[in-house]
Amino acid sequence: MKNMANLKKLALGQKVQDLLAKYQNFALIKIDRTSHQTLESLRKELKKNQANFKVVKNTLFEKTLNKLSKNNKVYEEIKKSFFPLKETSALLLLRKEWNSGLTAFYQFLKKEVSLSFKFGHLDDKSYGHEDLLKIAQLPPRNQLLANLIGNFKTPSSRLVHSMKFNITKLVYILKEKAKKSN
């Protein structure tokens, strides 16, 4: 009977490991005193944004990361910085383009105070609670790129406009003079 329980734990550990391999980015979330209904509505919201949400036992998650840390230094850093884990946890699993899922969670987080970030792993780098909050508030990548390109374009368009302004004004004055003389 004891052997059967160990097999179940191994299977659960393998499932968590498979999820971490499938979703390149994740955040560990504190879910103390959060109702089941709240978690279900969060799951639905995250699913719309290609993110997944799984409640996970701290010991199971720690053992899985211990196993993964043998091959990945980032997981080793997570172990040193954030372990041992306390309080009930859930795993926010994010795809390669993680911004929409993280933003959706942040919007939900503003309404539900019982949820909070513990730490996260985005683009092969680990982040603490404070950093994840800042990152979640950033606009989408496409919007940031558009703003950057717009800012590069703005000085040159202002220069062109200022160079054309006096000539345009002169042409306008000459046209008005021509109308009055006719």
Protein backbone atom coordinates (compact mmCIF):
# COMPACT_ATOMS: atom_id res chain seq x y z
CA MET A 1 0.00 0.00 0.00
CA LYS A 2 2.86 2.36 0.84
CA ASN A 3 4.49 1.62 -2.52
CA MET A 4 1.27 2.68 -4.30
CA ALA A 5 1.34 6.08 -2.57
CA ASN A 6 4.96 6.57 -3.64
CA LEU A 7 4.05 5.78 -7.25
CA LYS A 8 1.28 8.39 -7.13
CA LYS A 9 3.70 10.99 -5.75
CA LEU A 10 6.25 10.14 -8.44
CA ALA A 11 3.56 10.48 -11.11
CA LEU A 12 2.50 13.86 -9.72
CA GLY A 13 6.12 14.99 -9.63
CA GLN A 14 6.57 13.90 -13.25
CA LYS A 15 3.38 15.77 -14.22
CA VAL A 16 4.72 18.99 -12.66
CA GLN A 17 8.04 18.43 -14.42
CA ASP A 18 6.25 17.94 -17.76
CA LEU A 19 4.23 21.13 -17.22
CA LEU A 20 7.40 23.12 -16.52
CA ALA A 21 8.93 21.72 -19.72
CA LYS A 22 5.82 22.54 -21.78
CA TYR A 23 5.41 26.07 -20.42
CA GLN A 24 8.78 27.80 -20.54
CA ASN A 25 7.75 30.49 -18.03
CA PHE A 26 5.99 30.26 -14.70
CA ALA A 27 5.21 32.08 -11.47
CA LEU A 28 4.51 30.57 -8.08
CA ILE A 29 1.44 32.15 -6.52
CA LYS A 30 0.39 32.37 -2.88
CA ILE A 31 -3.28 31.33 -2.63
CA ASP A 32 -3.95 31.28 1.13
CA ARG A 33 -7.62 31.72 2.03
CA THR A 34 -8.74 32.00 -1.60
CA SER A 35 -12.12 30.44 -2.30
CA HIS A 36 -12.60 27.66 -4.82
CA GLN A 37 -14.99 29.82 -6.87
CA THR A 38 -12.37 32.57 -7.10
CA LEU A 39 -9.74 30.11 -8.30
CA GLU A 40 -12.11 28.69 -10.91
CA SER A 41 -12.94 32.14 -12.30
CA LEU A 42 -9.20 32.90 -12.36
CA ARG A 43 -8.57 29.68 -14.32
CA LYS A 44 -11.19 30.67 -16.91
CA GLU A 45 -9.70 34.15 -17.27
CA LEU A 46 -6.18 32.80 -17.65
CA LYS A 47 -7.23 30.18 -20.20
CA LYS A 48 -8.41 33.02 -22.48
CA ASN A 49 -4.83 34.37 -22.35
CA GLN A 50 -3.04 31.06 -23.07
CA ALA A 51 -2.02 30.60 -19.44
CA ASN A 52 -2.67 27.72 -17.07
CA PHE A 53 -3.18 27.59 -13.30
CA LYS A 54 -2.52 24.51 -11.15
CA VAL A 55 -2.56 24.17 -7.36
CA VAL A 56 0.62 22.40 -6.29
CA LYS A 57 2.02 21.09 -3.01
CA ASN A 58 5.11 22.97 -1.87
CA THR A 59 7.09 19.80 -1.11
CA LEU A 60 6.23 18.32 -4.51
CA PHE A 61 7.27 21.53 -6.27
CA GLU A 62 10.51 21.71 -4.26
CA LYS A 63 11.39 18.11 -5.12
CA THR A 64 10.66 18.71 -8.80
CA LEU A 65 12.86 21.82 -8.89
CA ASN A 66 15.60 19.95 -7.01
CA LYS A 67 15.56 17.36 -9.79
CA LEU A 68 15.52 20.02 -12.55
CA SER A 69 18.26 22.10 -10.91
CA LYS A 70 20.83 19.42 -11.72
CA ASN A 71 20.61 20.42 -15.40
CA ASN A 72 19.61 24.10 -15.14
CA LYS A 73 21.43 26.77 -13.13
CA VAL A 74 18.36 29.06 -13.05
CA TYR A 75 16.46 26.47 -11.03
CA GLU A 76 19.45 26.26 -8.69
CA GLU A 77 19.20 30.05 -8.16
CA ILE A 78 15.48 29.71 -7.42
CA LYS A 79 16.23 27.04 -4.82
CA LYS A 80 18.81 29.25 -3.09
CA SER A 81 16.68 32.39 -3.17
CA PHE A 82 13.14 31.22 -2.48
CA PHE A 83 13.21 27.83 -0.74
CA PRO A 84 11.87 26.53 1.63
CA LEU A 85 8.36 27.36 0.47
CA LYS A 86 5.66 28.34 2.93
CA GLU A 87 1.93 28.99 2.56
CA THR A 88 -0.35 27.32 0.03
CA SER A 89 0.89 27.62 -3.55
CA ALA A 90 -0.30 27.42 -7.11
CA LEU A 91 1.62 27.41 -10.33
CA LEU A 92 0.84 30.05 -12.97
CA LEU A 93 2.10 28.49 -16.20
CA LEU A 94 2.84 30.90 -19.04
CA ARG A 95 3.67 30.29 -22.71
CA LYS A 96 6.69 31.71 -24.53
CA GLU A 97 4.75 34.97 -25.06
CA TRP A 98 4.01 35.34 -21.35
CA ASN A 99 2.90 38.97 -21.19
CA SER A 100 -0.83 38.49 -21.78
CA GLY A 101 -1.12 35.74 -19.16
CA LEU A 102 0.87 37.69 -16.58
CA THR A 103 -1.17 40.84 -17.23
CA ALA A 104 -4.44 38.90 -16.94
CA PHE A 105 -3.30 37.52 -13.59
CA TYR A 106 -2.28 40.99 -12.42
CA GLN A 107 -5.73 42.40 -13.33
CA PHE A 108 -7.32 39.60 -11.31
CA LEU A 109 -4.83 40.19 -8.49
CA LYS A 110 -6.00 43.81 -8.11
CA LYS A 111 -9.53 42.56 -7.34
CA GLU A 112 -8.56 39.55 -5.20
CA VAL A 113 -6.26 40.47 -2.29
CA SER A 114 -5.83 36.86 -1.09
CA LEU A 115 -3.58 36.15 -4.10
CA SER A 116 0.02 37.31 -4.50
CA PHE A 117 3.23 36.44 -6.31
CA LYS A 118 5.92 34.43 -4.52
CA PHE A 119 8.48 34.36 -7.34
CA GLY A 120 8.66 33.67 -11.05
CA HIS A 121 10.77 32.38 -13.90
CA LEU A 122 10.49 34.37 -17.15
CA ASP A 123 12.79 34.02 -20.16
CA ASP A 124 15.34 31.95 -18.19
CA LYS A 125 15.62 34.47 -15.37
CA SER A 126 14.14 34.34 -11.88
CA TYR A 127 12.24 37.27 -10.35
CA GLY A 128 10.97 37.97 -6.87
CA HIS A 129 7.55 39.25 -5.79
CA GLU A 130 8.27 42.97 -6.31
CA ASP A 131 9.84 42.52 -9.75
CA LEU A 132 6.97 40.37 -10.99
CA LEU A 133 4.47 43.05 -9.95
CA LYS A 134 6.41 45.64 -11.97
CA ILE A 135 6.73 43.36 -15.00
CA ALA A 136 3.01 42.48 -14.91
CA GLN A 137 2.13 46.18 -15.17
CA LEU A 138 4.16 46.71 -18.34
CA PRO A 139 2.25 47.13 -21.60
CA PRO A 140 2.47 44.33 -24.18
CA ARG A 141 5.74 43.89 -26.09
CA ASN A 142 4.22 45.07 -29.40
CA GLN A 143 3.01 48.27 -27.79
CA LEU A 144 6.43 48.93 -26.24
CA LEU A 145 8.11 48.43 -29.62
CA ALA A 146 5.61 50.76 -31.30
CA ASN A 147 6.25 53.43 -28.64
CA LEU A 148 10.00 53.06 -29.10
CA ILE A 149 9.80 53.36 -32.88
CA GLY A 150 7.45 56.33 -32.53
CA ASN A 151 9.93 58.03 -30.20
CA PHE A 152 12.74 57.49 -32.71
CA LYS A 153 10.58 58.93 -35.47
CA THR A 154 9.35 61.98 -33.52
CA PRO A 155 12.58 64.09 -33.51
CA SER A 156 13.12 63.65 -37.23
CA SER A 157 9.51 64.48 -38.10
CA ARG A 158 9.70 67.58 -35.90
CA LEU A 159 12.87 68.67 -37.71
CA VAL A 160 11.26 68.19 -41.13
CA HIS A 161 8.16 70.08 -40.01
CA SER A 162 10.19 72.98 -38.62
CA MET A 163 12.22 73.22 -41.84
CA LYS A 164 9.06 73.24 -43.97
CA PHE A 165 7.18 75.67 -41.71
CA ASN A 166 8.77 78.96 -42.94
CA ILE A 167 8.52 77.95 -46.59
CA THR A 168 4.89 76.92 -46.16
CA LYS A 169 4.13 80.22 -44.44
CA LEU A 170 5.83 82.16 -47.29
CA VAL A 171 3.82 80.27 -49.93
CA TYR A 172 0.60 81.00 -48.02
CA ILE A 173 1.41 84.75 -47.83
CA LEU A 174 2.23 84.87 -51.57
CA LYS A 175 -1.05 83.11 -52.42
CA GLU A 176 -3.01 85.63 -50.32
CA LYS A 177 -1.19 88.55 -52.03
CA ALA A 178 -1.97 87.04 -55.46
CA LYS A 179 -5.69 86.75 -54.55
CA LYS A 180 -5.80 90.40 -53.43
CA SER A 181 -4.05 91.66 -56.54
CA ASN A 182 -6.52 89.84 -58.85
